[in-house]
Amino acid sequence: MTSPQAESTLTYAADLTREDVTALETFLNAQLGRVSEVVGETGETSFAMQSLLILVSDSAGFLHVLLRLEQPDLWQRAAIVREWQRLRSTAHPFNHCEGFDYDRWWNQVQHYDATDERAEQERIIRLADETVLDEGPAPTE
Protein backbone atom coordinates (compact mmCIF):
# COMPACT_ATOMS: atom_id res chain seq x y z
CA MET A 1 0.00 0.00 0.00
CA THR A 2 1.16 3.51 -0.66
CA SER A 3 1.63 5.99 2.13
CA PRO A 4 -1.19 8.46 2.88
CA GLN A 5 -1.06 11.73 1.00
CA ALA A 6 0.07 14.80 2.91
CA GLU A 7 -2.96 16.78 1.73
CA SER A 8 -5.54 17.85 4.26
CA THR A 9 -8.57 15.71 4.91
CA LEU A 10 -11.86 16.98 3.54
CA THR A 11 -14.46 17.87 6.13
CA TYR A 12 -16.98 19.79 4.07
CA ALA A 13 -17.93 19.92 0.41
CA ALA A 14 -16.99 23.62 0.43
CA ASP A 15 -13.38 22.44 0.83
CA LEU A 16 -13.48 20.59 -2.51
CA THR A 17 -11.32 21.85 -5.33
CA ARG A 18 -11.38 21.14 -9.04
CA GLU A 19 -8.13 19.21 -8.51
CA ASP A 20 -9.86 16.95 -5.96
CA VAL A 21 -12.57 16.10 -8.47
CA THR A 22 -10.07 15.54 -11.27
CA ALA A 23 -7.93 13.26 -9.09
CA LEU A 24 -10.94 11.19 -8.04
CA GLU A 25 -12.25 10.98 -11.61
CA THR A 26 -8.80 9.92 -12.86
CA PHE A 27 -8.54 7.25 -10.17
CA LEU A 28 -12.00 5.92 -11.05
CA ASN A 29 -11.32 5.93 -14.78
CA ALA A 30 -8.08 3.99 -14.24
CA GLN A 31 -9.77 1.41 -12.03
CA LEU A 32 -12.88 1.04 -14.17
CA GLY A 33 -10.74 0.92 -17.30
CA ARG A 34 -8.77 -1.95 -15.80
CA VAL A 35 -11.99 -3.82 -15.07
CA SER A 36 -13.32 -3.05 -18.56
CA GLU A 37 -10.24 -4.66 -20.11
CA VAL A 38 -10.98 -7.87 -18.22
CA VAL A 39 -14.69 -7.76 -19.12
CA GLY A 40 -14.04 -7.26 -22.82
CA GLU A 41 -15.99 -5.35 -25.41
CA THR A 42 -19.09 -7.50 -25.82
CA GLY A 43 -21.91 -8.65 -23.62
CA GLU A 44 -24.12 -7.09 -20.99
CA THR A 45 -21.31 -6.60 -18.49
CA SER A 46 -19.39 -4.59 -21.07
CA PHE A 47 -22.40 -2.34 -21.64
CA ALA A 48 -22.79 -1.89 -17.88
CA MET A 49 -19.12 -0.90 -17.57
CA GLN A 50 -19.48 1.63 -20.39
CA SER A 51 -22.53 3.10 -18.67
CA LEU A 52 -20.67 3.34 -15.38
CA LEU A 53 -17.78 5.15 -17.06
CA ILE A 54 -20.25 7.61 -18.60
CA LEU A 55 -21.93 8.20 -15.22
CA VAL A 56 -18.56 8.88 -13.57
CA SER A 57 -17.68 11.36 -16.31
CA ASP A 58 -21.08 13.09 -16.10
CA SER A 59 -20.96 13.30 -12.31
CA ALA A 60 -17.43 14.72 -12.33
CA GLY A 61 -18.37 17.19 -15.08
CA PHE A 62 -21.39 18.37 -13.10
CA LEU A 63 -19.19 18.82 -10.02
CA HIS A 64 -16.69 20.89 -12.02
CA VAL A 65 -19.52 23.20 -13.13
CA LEU A 66 -20.91 23.51 -9.59
CA LEU A 67 -17.49 24.25 -8.09
CA ARG A 68 -17.12 27.28 -10.39
CA LEU A 69 -20.05 28.99 -8.64
CA GLU A 70 -19.04 31.63 -6.11
CA GLN A 71 -22.27 31.59 -4.10
CA PRO A 72 -24.09 28.31 -4.83
CA ASP A 73 -27.80 28.16 -4.04
CA LEU A 74 -29.06 25.66 -1.50
CA TRP A 75 -29.92 23.06 -4.17
CA GLN A 76 -26.49 23.50 -5.75
CA ARG A 77 -24.79 23.03 -2.39
CA ALA A 78 -26.78 19.83 -1.87
CA ALA A 79 -25.86 18.69 -5.39
CA ILE A 80 -22.15 19.21 -4.67
CA VAL A 81 -22.41 16.99 -1.57
CA ARG A 82 -24.46 14.38 -3.45
CA GLU A 83 -22.21 14.20 -6.52
CA TRP A 84 -19.05 14.00 -4.40
CA GLN A 85 -20.64 11.19 -2.37
CA ARG A 86 -21.64 9.40 -5.57
CA LEU A 87 -18.08 9.49 -6.95
CA ARG A 88 -16.55 8.74 -3.57
CA SER A 89 -18.76 5.72 -2.90
CA THR A 90 -17.97 4.41 -6.39
CA ALA A 91 -14.23 4.75 -5.72
CA HIS A 92 -14.27 3.43 -2.15
CA PRO A 93 -14.13 -0.32 -2.95
CA PHE A 94 -11.17 0.28 -5.28
CA ASN A 95 -9.20 1.93 -2.48
CA HIS A 96 -8.62 -1.56 -1.11
CA CYS A 97 -6.95 -2.84 -4.30
CA GLU A 98 -3.31 -3.76 -4.08
CA GLY A 99 -1.15 -0.68 -4.41
CA PHE A 100 -3.79 1.78 -3.26
CA ASP A 101 -4.27 3.44 0.08
CA TYR A 102 -7.64 2.75 1.68
CA ASP A 103 -7.34 5.99 3.69
CA ARG A 104 -7.27 8.25 0.64
CA TRP A 105 -8.27 11.83 1.21
CA TRP A 106 -11.53 11.52 -0.75
CA ASN A 107 -13.51 11.07 2.40
CA GLN A 108 -17.21 11.14 2.92
CA VAL A 109 -18.60 14.65 3.30
CA GLN A 110 -22.09 15.04 4.69
CA HIS A 111 -22.47 18.81 4.68
CA TYR A 112 -21.53 21.70 2.45
CA ASP A 113 -19.97 23.74 5.27
CA ALA A 114 -20.14 24.28 9.05
CA THR A 115 -23.24 26.49 8.73
CA ASP A 116 -25.01 23.76 6.77
CA GLU A 117 -24.02 21.19 9.40
CA ARG A 118 -25.30 23.38 12.26
CA ALA A 119 -28.60 24.02 10.46
CA GLU A 120 -29.07 20.27 9.95
CA GLN A 121 -28.35 19.56 13.62
CA GLU A 122 -30.84 22.24 14.68
CA ARG A 123 -33.46 20.78 12.32
CA ILE A 124 -32.97 17.32 13.84
CA ILE A 125 -33.30 18.70 17.37
CA ARG A 126 -36.50 20.56 16.40
CA LEU A 127 -37.97 17.41 14.86
CA ALA A 128 -37.05 15.37 17.94
CA ASP A 129 -38.67 17.97 20.21
CA GLU A 130 -41.83 18.03 18.07
CA THR A 131 -42.03 14.24 18.15
CA VAL A 132 -41.79 14.19 21.95
CA LEU A 133 -44.48 16.90 22.23
CA ASP A 134 -46.79 15.07 19.79
CA GLU A 135 -46.63 11.87 21.81
CA GLY A 136 -47.96 13.61 24.89
CA PRO A 137 -47.64 12.23 28.41
CA ALA A 138 -46.73 8.61 28.88
CA PRO A 139 -49.72 6.34 29.63
CA THR A 140 -50.13 5.24 33.25
CA GLU A 141 -51.25 1.82 34.32
C-alpha atoms as a PDB file:
ATOM      1  CA  MET A   1       0.000   0.000   0.000  1.00  0.00           C
ATOM      2  CA  THR A   2       1.158   3.510  -0.656  1.00  0.00           C
ATOM      3  CA  SER A   3       1.626   5.992   2.128  1.00  0.00           C
ATOM      4  CA  PRO A   4      -1.192   8.456   2.877  1.00  0.00           C
ATOM      5  CA  GLN A   5      -1.063  11.735   1.003  1.00  0.00           C
ATOM      6  CA  ALA A   6       0.071  14.796   2.912  1.00  0.00           C
ATOM      7  CA  GLU A   7      -2.955  16.778   1.727  1.00  0.00           C
ATOM      8  CA  SER A   8      -5.542  17.855   4.260  1.00  0.00           C
ATOM      9  CA  THR A   9      -8.571  15.708   4.911  1.00  0.00           C
ATOM     10  CA  LEU A  10     -11.855  16.981   3.544  1.00  0.00           C
ATOM     11  CA  THR A  11     -14.456  17.871   6.130  1.00  0.00           C
ATOM     12  CA  TYR A  12     -16.976  19.787   4.066  1.00  0.00           C
ATOM     13  CA  ALA A  13     -17.931  19.921   0.406  1.00  0.00           C
ATOM     14  CA  ALA A  14     -16.991  23.622   0.426  1.00  0.00           C
ATOM     15  CA  ASP A  15     -13.379  22.439   0.826  1.00  0.00           C
ATOM     16  CA  LEU A  16     -13.478  20.586  -2.511  1.00  0.00           C
ATOM     17  CA  THR A  17     -11.315  21.849  -5.326  1.00  0.00           C
ATOM     18  CA  ARG A  18     -11.384  21.135  -9.036  1.00  0.00           C
ATOM     19  CA  GLU A  19      -8.129  19.211  -8.513  1.00  0.00           C
ATOM     20  CA  ASP A  20      -9.865  16.954  -5.957  1.00  0.00           C
ATOM     21  CA  VAL A  21     -12.572  16.098  -8.467  1.00  0.00           C
ATOM     22  CA  THR A  22     -10.066  15.543 -11.275  1.00  0.00           C
ATOM     23  CA  ALA A  23      -7.930  13.262  -9.087  1.00  0.00           C
ATOM     24  CA  LEU A  24     -10.939  11.191  -8.044  1.00  0.00           C
ATOM     25  CA  GLU A  25     -12.247  10.978 -11.609  1.00  0.00           C
ATOM     26  CA  THR A  26      -8.797   9.924 -12.860  1.00  0.00           C
ATOM     27  CA  PHE A  27      -8.543   7.254 -10.174  1.00  0.00           C
ATOM     28  CA  LEU A  28     -11.999   5.919 -11.052  1.00  0.00           C
ATOM     29  CA  ASN A  29     -11.323   5.929 -14.777  1.00  0.00           C
ATOM     30  CA  ALA A  30      -8.083   3.993 -14.243  1.00  0.00           C
ATOM     31  CA  GLN A  31      -9.772   1.406 -12.034  1.00  0.00           C
ATOM     32  CA  LEU A  32     -12.884   1.039 -14.165  1.00  0.00           C
ATOM     33  CA  GLY A  33     -10.744   0.925 -17.299  1.00  0.00           C
ATOM     34  CA  ARG A  34      -8.772  -1.947 -15.800  1.00  0.00           C
ATOM     35  CA  VAL A  35     -11.993  -3.821 -15.068  1.00  0.00           C
ATOM     36  CA  SER A  36     -13.323  -3.046 -18.558  1.00  0.00           C
ATOM     37  CA  GLU A  37     -10.243  -4.664 -20.107  1.00  0.00           C
ATOM     38  CA  VAL A  38     -10.977  -7.867 -18.219  1.00  0.00           C
ATOM     39  CA  VAL A  39     -14.686  -7.757 -19.117  1.00  0.00           C
ATOM     40  CA  GLY A  40     -14.036  -7.265 -22.817  1.00  0.00           C
ATOM     41  CA  GLU A  41     -15.988  -5.355 -25.414  1.00  0.00           C
ATOM     42  CA  THR A  42     -19.087  -7.499 -25.817  1.00  0.00           C
ATOM     43  CA  GLY A  43     -21.910  -8.652 -23.623  1.00  0.00           C
ATOM     44  CA  GLU A  44     -24.121  -7.094 -20.986  1.00  0.00           C
ATOM     45  CA  THR A  45     -21.313  -6.602 -18.486  1.00  0.00           C
ATOM     46  CA  SER A  46     -19.388  -4.588 -21.067  1.00  0.00           C
ATOM     47  CA  PHE A  47     -22.399  -2.336 -21.642  1.00  0.00           C
ATOM     48  CA  ALA A  48     -22.789  -1.888 -17.880  1.00  0.00           C
ATOM     49  CA  MET A  49     -19.120  -0.895 -17.566  1.00  0.00           C
ATOM     50  CA  GLN A  50     -19.478   1.626 -20.389  1.00  0.00           C
ATOM     51  CA  SER A  51     -22.532   3.099 -18.672  1.00  0.00           C
ATOM     52  CA  LEU A  52     -20.669   3.343 -15.376  1.00  0.00           C
ATOM     53  CA  LEU A  53     -17.776   5.148 -17.061  1.00  0.00           C
ATOM     54  CA  ILE A  54     -20.252   7.609 -18.599  1.00  0.00           C
ATOM     55  CA  LEU A  55     -21.927   8.198 -15.217  1.00  0.00           C
ATOM     56  CA  VAL A  56     -18.560   8.882 -13.575  1.00  0.00           C
ATOM     57  CA  SER A  57     -17.680  11.360 -16.309  1.00  0.00           C
ATOM     58  CA  ASP A  58     -21.077  13.089 -16.100  1.00  0.00           C
ATOM     59  CA  SER A  59     -20.964  13.296 -12.313  1.00  0.00           C
ATOM     60  CA  ALA A  60     -17.426  14.720 -12.328  1.00  0.00           C
ATOM     61  CA  GLY A  61     -18.370  17.192 -15.077  1.00  0.00           C
ATOM     62  CA  PHE A  62     -21.390  18.369 -13.097  1.00  0.00           C
ATOM     63  CA  LEU A  63     -19.190  18.819 -10.019  1.00  0.00           C
ATOM     64  CA  HIS A  64     -16.693  20.887 -12.018  1.00  0.00           C
ATOM     65  CA  VAL A  65     -19.518  23.205 -13.128  1.00  0.00           C
ATOM     66  CA  LEU A  66     -20.909  23.511  -9.593  1.00  0.00           C
ATOM     67  CA  LEU A  67     -17.494  24.247  -8.095  1.00  0.00           C
ATOM     68  CA  ARG A  68     -17.121  27.277 -10.391  1.00  0.00           C
ATOM     69  CA  LEU A  69     -20.049  28.989  -8.640  1.00  0.00           C
ATOM     70  CA  GLU A  70     -19.037  31.631  -6.111  1.00  0.00           C
ATOM     71  CA  GLN A  71     -22.270  31.586  -4.104  1.00  0.00           C
ATOM     72  CA  PRO A  72     -24.085  28.313  -4.833  1.00  0.00           C
ATOM     73  CA  ASP A  73     -27.797  28.157  -4.043  1.00  0.00           C
ATOM     74  CA  LEU A  74     -29.062  25.657  -1.501  1.00  0.00           C
ATOM     75  CA  TRP A  75     -29.922  23.058  -4.165  1.00  0.00           C
ATOM     76  CA  GLN A  76     -26.487  23.500  -5.747  1.00  0.00           C
ATOM     77  CA  ARG A  77     -24.785  23.031  -2.386  1.00  0.00           C
ATOM     78  CA  ALA A  78     -26.779  19.830  -1.870  1.00  0.00           C
ATOM     79  CA  ALA A  79     -25.863  18.689  -5.390  1.00  0.00           C
ATOM     80  CA  ILE A  80     -22.155  19.212  -4.669  1.00  0.00           C
ATOM     81  CA  VAL A  81     -22.410  16.994  -1.574  1.00  0.00           C
ATOM     82  CA  ARG A  82     -24.457  14.381  -3.450  1.00  0.00           C
ATOM     83  CA  GLU A  83     -22.210  14.197  -6.516  1.00  0.00           C
ATOM     84  CA  TRP A  84     -19.052  13.995  -4.404  1.00  0.00           C
ATOM     85  CA  GLN A  85     -20.637  11.192  -2.374  1.00  0.00           C
ATOM     86  CA  ARG A  86     -21.641   9.399  -5.569  1.00  0.00           C
ATOM     87  CA  LEU A  87     -18.085   9.488  -6.945  1.00  0.00           C
ATOM     88  CA  ARG A  88     -16.545   8.738  -3.569  1.00  0.00           C
ATOM     89  CA  SER A  89     -18.757   5.723  -2.900  1.00  0.00           C
ATOM     90  CA  THR A  90     -17.973   4.408  -6.386  1.00  0.00           C
ATOM     91  CA  ALA A  91     -14.231   4.752  -5.719  1.00  0.00           C
ATOM     92  CA  HIS A  92     -14.267   3.434  -2.154  1.00  0.00           C
ATOM     93  CA  PRO A  93     -14.127  -0.319  -2.946  1.00  0.00           C
ATOM     94  CA  PHE A  94     -11.173   0.277  -5.283  1.00  0.00           C
ATOM     95  CA  ASN A  95      -9.205   1.931  -2.475  1.00  0.00           C
ATOM     96  CA  HIS A  96      -8.619  -1.565  -1.109  1.00  0.00           C
ATOM     97  CA  CYS A  97      -6.954  -2.838  -4.301  1.00  0.00           C
ATOM     98  CA  GLU A  98      -3.308  -3.763  -4.079  1.00  0.00           C
ATOM     99  CA  GLY A  99      -1.148  -0.676  -4.410  1.00  0.00           C
ATOM    100  CA  PHE A 100      -3.792   1.780  -3.263  1.00  0.00           C
ATOM    101  CA  ASP A 101      -4.265   3.440   0.084  1.00  0.00           C
ATOM    102  CA  TYR A 102      -7.643   2.753   1.681  1.00  0.00           C
ATOM    103  CA  ASP A 103      -7.343   5.993   3.695  1.00  0.00           C
ATOM    104  CA  ARG A 104      -7.275   8.249   0.637  1.00  0.00           C
ATOM    105  CA  TRP A 105      -8.268  11.832   1.207  1.00  0.00           C
ATOM    106  CA  TRP A 106     -11.530  11.523  -0.747  1.00  0.00           C
ATOM    107  CA  ASN A 107     -13.512  11.072   2.400  1.00  0.00           C
ATOM    108  CA  GLN A 108     -17.211  11.137   2.922  1.00  0.00           C
ATOM    109  CA  VAL A 109     -18.605  14.648   3.300  1.00  0.00           C
ATOM    110  CA  GLN A 110     -22.091  15.044   4.686  1.00  0.00           C
ATOM    111  CA  HIS A 111     -22.470  18.808   4.683  1.00  0.00           C
ATOM    112  CA  TYR A 112     -21.532  21.701   2.445  1.00  0.00           C
ATOM    113  CA  ASP A 113     -19.968  23.742   5.270  1.00  0.00           C
ATOM    114  CA  ALA A 114     -20.141  24.283   9.050  1.00  0.00           C
ATOM    115  CA  THR A 115     -23.237  26.488   8.728  1.00  0.00           C
ATOM    116  CA  ASP A 116     -25.010  23.761   6.770  1.00  0.00           C
ATOM    117  CA  GLU A 117     -24.023  21.187   9.402  1.00  0.00           C
ATOM    118  CA  ARG A 118     -25.301  23.380  12.258  1.00  0.00           C
ATOM    119  CA  ALA A 119     -28.603  24.019  10.456  1.00  0.00           C
ATOM    120  CA  GLU A 120     -29.075  20.267   9.951  1.00  0.00           C
ATOM    121  CA  GLN A 121     -28.350  19.556  13.624  1.00  0.00           C
ATOM    122  CA  GLU A 122     -30.840  22.238  14.679  1.00  0.00           C
ATOM    123  CA  ARG A 123     -33.464  20.781  12.320  1.00  0.00           C
ATOM    124  CA  ILE A 124     -32.966  17.320  13.837  1.00  0.00           C
ATOM    125  CA  ILE A 125     -33.298  18.701  17.365  1.00  0.00           C
ATOM    126  CA  ARG A 126     -36.503  20.564  16.397  1.00  0.00           C
ATOM    127  CA  LEU A 127     -37.974  17.411  14.857  1.00  0.00           C
ATOM    128  CA  ALA A 128     -37.051  15.372  17.936  1.00  0.00           C
ATOM    129  CA  ASP A 129     -38.669  17.973  20.206  1.00  0.00           C
ATOM    130  CA  GLU A 130     -41.827  18.035  18.073  1.00  0.00           C
ATOM    131  CA  THR A 131     -42.027  14.243  18.146  1.00  0.00           C
ATOM    132  CA  VAL A 132     -41.793  14.190  21.946  1.00  0.00           C
ATOM    133  CA  LEU A 133     -44.481  16.897  22.226  1.00  0.00           C
ATOM    134  CA  ASP A 134     -46.793  15.071  19.792  1.00  0.00           C
ATOM    135  CA  GLU A 135     -46.627  11.871  21.809  1.00  0.00           C
ATOM    136  CA  GLY A 136     -47.959  13.608  24.894  1.00  0.00           C
ATOM    137  CA  PRO A 137     -47.644  12.230  28.414  1.00  0.00           C
ATOM    138  CA  ALA A 138     -46.730   8.607  28.878  1.00  0.00           C
ATOM    139  CA  PRO A 139     -49.720   6.343  29.631  1.00  0.00           C
ATOM    140  CA  THR A 140     -50.126   5.241  33.245  1.00  0.00           C
ATOM    141  CA  GLU A 141     -51.250   1.822  34.324  1.00  0.00           C
END
